[in-house]
C-alpha atoms as a PDB file:
ATOM      1  CA  UNK A   1      58.819  68.946 138.785  1.00  0.00           C
ATOM      2  CA  UNK A   2      59.498  71.983 136.563  1.00  0.00           C
ATOM      3  CA  UNK A   3      58.887  70.008 133.336  1.00  0.00           C
ATOM      4  CA  UNK A   4      55.466  68.799 134.698  1.00  0.00           C
ATOM      5  CA  UNK A   5      54.398  72.262 135.526  1.00  0.00           C
ATOM      6  CA  UNK A   6      55.474  73.473 132.022  1.00  0.00           C
ATOM      7  CA  UNK A   7      53.496  70.540 130.540  1.00  0.00           C
ATOM      8  CA  UNK A   8      50.426  71.685 132.641  1.00  0.00           C
ATOM      9  CA  UNK A   9      50.932  75.319 131.491  1.00  0.00           C
ATOM     10  CA  UNK A  10      50.905  74.228 127.803  1.00  0.00           C
ATOM     11  CA  UNK A  11      47.751  72.259 128.397  1.00  0.00           C
ATOM     12  CA  UNK A  12      46.085  75.306 130.224  1.00  0.00           C
ATOM     13  CA  UNK A  13      47.083  77.486 127.361  1.00  0.00           C
ATOM     14  CA  UNK A  14      45.722  75.318 124.714  1.00  0.00           C
ATOM     15  CA  UNK A  15      42.450  75.329 126.773  1.00  0.00           C
ATOM     16  CA  UNK A  16      42.215  79.163 126.941  1.00  0.00           C
ATOM     17  CA  UNK A  17      43.270  79.387 130.655  1.00  0.00           C
ATOM     18  CA  UNK A  18      45.938  81.971 129.960  1.00  0.00           C
ATOM     19  CA  UNK A  19      46.574  83.393 133.489  1.00  0.00           C
ATOM     20  CA  UNK A  20      46.883  79.862 134.813  1.00  0.00           C
ATOM     21  CA  UNK A  21      49.116  79.080 132.267  1.00  0.00           C
ATOM     22  CA  UNK A  22      51.455  82.014 133.201  1.00  0.00           C
ATOM     23  CA  UNK A  23      51.355  81.046 136.857  1.00  0.00           C
ATOM     24  CA  UNK A  24      52.620  77.585 136.066  1.00  0.00           C
ATOM     25  CA  UNK A  25      55.290  78.850 133.829  1.00  0.00           C
ATOM     26  CA  UNK A  26      56.439  81.160 136.496  1.00  0.00           C
ATOM     27  CA  UNK A  27      56.377  78.554 139.252  1.00  0.00           C
ATOM     28  CA  UNK A  28      58.271  76.104 136.918  1.00  0.00           C
ATOM     29  CA  UNK A  29      60.810  78.800 136.238  1.00  0.00           C
ATOM     30  CA  UNK A  30      61.419  79.426 140.004  1.00  0.00           C
ATOM     31  CA  UNK A  31      61.733  75.698 140.674  1.00  0.00           C
ATOM     32  CA  UNK A  32      64.137  74.999 137.563  1.00  0.00           C
ATOM     33  CA  UNK A  33      66.353  77.837 138.826  1.00  0.00           C
ATOM     34  CA  UNK A  34      66.370  76.509 142.434  1.00  0.00           C
ATOM     35  CA  UNK A  35      66.962  72.815 141.714  1.00  0.00           C
ATOM     36  CA  UNK A  36      68.907  72.657 138.461  1.00  0.00           C
ATOM     37  CA  UNK A  37      70.033  76.157 137.256  1.00  0.00           C
ATOM     38  CA  UNK A  38      69.234  75.439 133.451  1.00  0.00           C
ATOM     39  CA  UNK A  39      67.442  77.414 130.978  1.00  0.00           C
ATOM     40  CA  UNK A  40      63.916  76.405 129.901  1.00  0.00           C
ATOM     41  CA  UNK A  41      63.626  74.686 126.603  1.00  0.00           C
ATOM     42  CA  UNK A  42      62.951  77.437 123.821  1.00  0.00           C
ATOM     43  CA  UNK A  43      59.398  76.374 123.405  1.00  0.00           C
ATOM     44  CA  UNK A  44      58.714  77.420 126.879  1.00  0.00           C
ATOM     45  CA  UNK A  45      60.403  80.758 126.225  1.00  0.00           C
ATOM     46  CA  UNK A  46      58.398  81.298 123.108  1.00  0.00           C
ATOM     47  CA  UNK A  47      54.952  80.525 124.936  1.00  0.00           C
ATOM     48  CA  UNK A  48      55.705  82.872 127.807  1.00  0.00           C
ATOM     49  CA  UNK A  49      56.522  85.554 125.474  1.00  0.00           C
ATOM     50  CA  UNK A  50      53.243  84.772 123.449  1.00  0.00           C
ATOM     51  CA  UNK A  51      51.391  84.783 126.655  1.00  0.00           C
ATOM     52  CA  UNK A  52      52.769  88.179 127.784  1.00  0.00           C
ATOM     53  CA  UNK A  53      51.582  89.546 124.394  1.00  0.00           C
ATOM     54  CA  UNK A  54      48.269  88.045 124.605  1.00  0.00           C
ATOM     55  CA  UNK A  55      47.419  88.958 128.291  1.00  0.00           C
ATOM     56  CA  UNK A  56      49.073  92.328 128.321  1.00  0.00           C
ATOM     57  CA  UNK A  57      51.731  93.577 130.465  1.00  0.00           C
ATOM     58  CA  UNK A  58      49.653  94.302 133.659  1.00  0.00           C
ATOM     59  CA  UNK A  59      47.643  90.912 133.544  1.00  0.00           C
ATOM     60  CA  UNK A  60      50.906  88.923 132.863  1.00  0.00           C
ATOM     61  CA  UNK A  61      52.896  90.450 135.535  1.00  0.00           C
ATOM     62  CA  UNK A  62      50.135  89.809 138.158  1.00  0.00           C
ATOM     63  CA  UNK A  63      49.894  86.149 137.073  1.00  0.00           C
ATOM     64  CA  UNK A  64      53.664  85.761 136.825  1.00  0.00           C
ATOM     65  CA  UNK A  65      53.979  87.102 140.529  1.00  0.00           C
ATOM     66  CA  UNK A  66      51.198  84.747 141.739  1.00  0.00           C
ATOM     67  CA  UNK A  67      53.096  81.817 140.121  1.00  0.00           C
ATOM     68  CA  UNK A  68      56.351  82.845 141.701  1.00  0.00           C
ATOM     69  CA  UNK A  69      54.748  82.878 145.133  1.00  0.00           C
ATOM     70  CA  UNK A  70      53.235  79.400 144.253  1.00  0.00           C
ATOM     71  CA  UNK A  71      56.836  78.190 143.269  1.00  0.00           C
ATOM     72  CA  UNK A  72      58.219  79.421 146.613  1.00  0.00           C
ATOM     73  CA  UNK A  73      55.511  77.528 148.524  1.00  0.00           C
ATOM     74  CA  UNK A  74      56.499  74.307 146.630  1.00  0.00           C
ATOM     75  CA  UNK A  75      60.067  75.022 147.598  1.00  0.00           C
ATOM     76  CA  UNK A  76      59.375  75.035 151.361  1.00  0.00           C
ATOM     77  CA  UNK A  77      60.166  71.873 153.257  1.00  0.00           C
END
């Protein structure tokens, strides 16, 4: 599921929906850690870093927190 969220984030980023992309990357990160502790592919890390620069720290942090909350909801049975 984490890979699917990362793909969706890439589509959203290319479409100019930057906060939504950050939310999906954050949810994917949480799911990846919870289900199969492995690092995200380097391209994901680069995209997340680029989004942080593009959005600015405050907007990025808000979107990331919202994405983590969404990821937690996805993990609930």
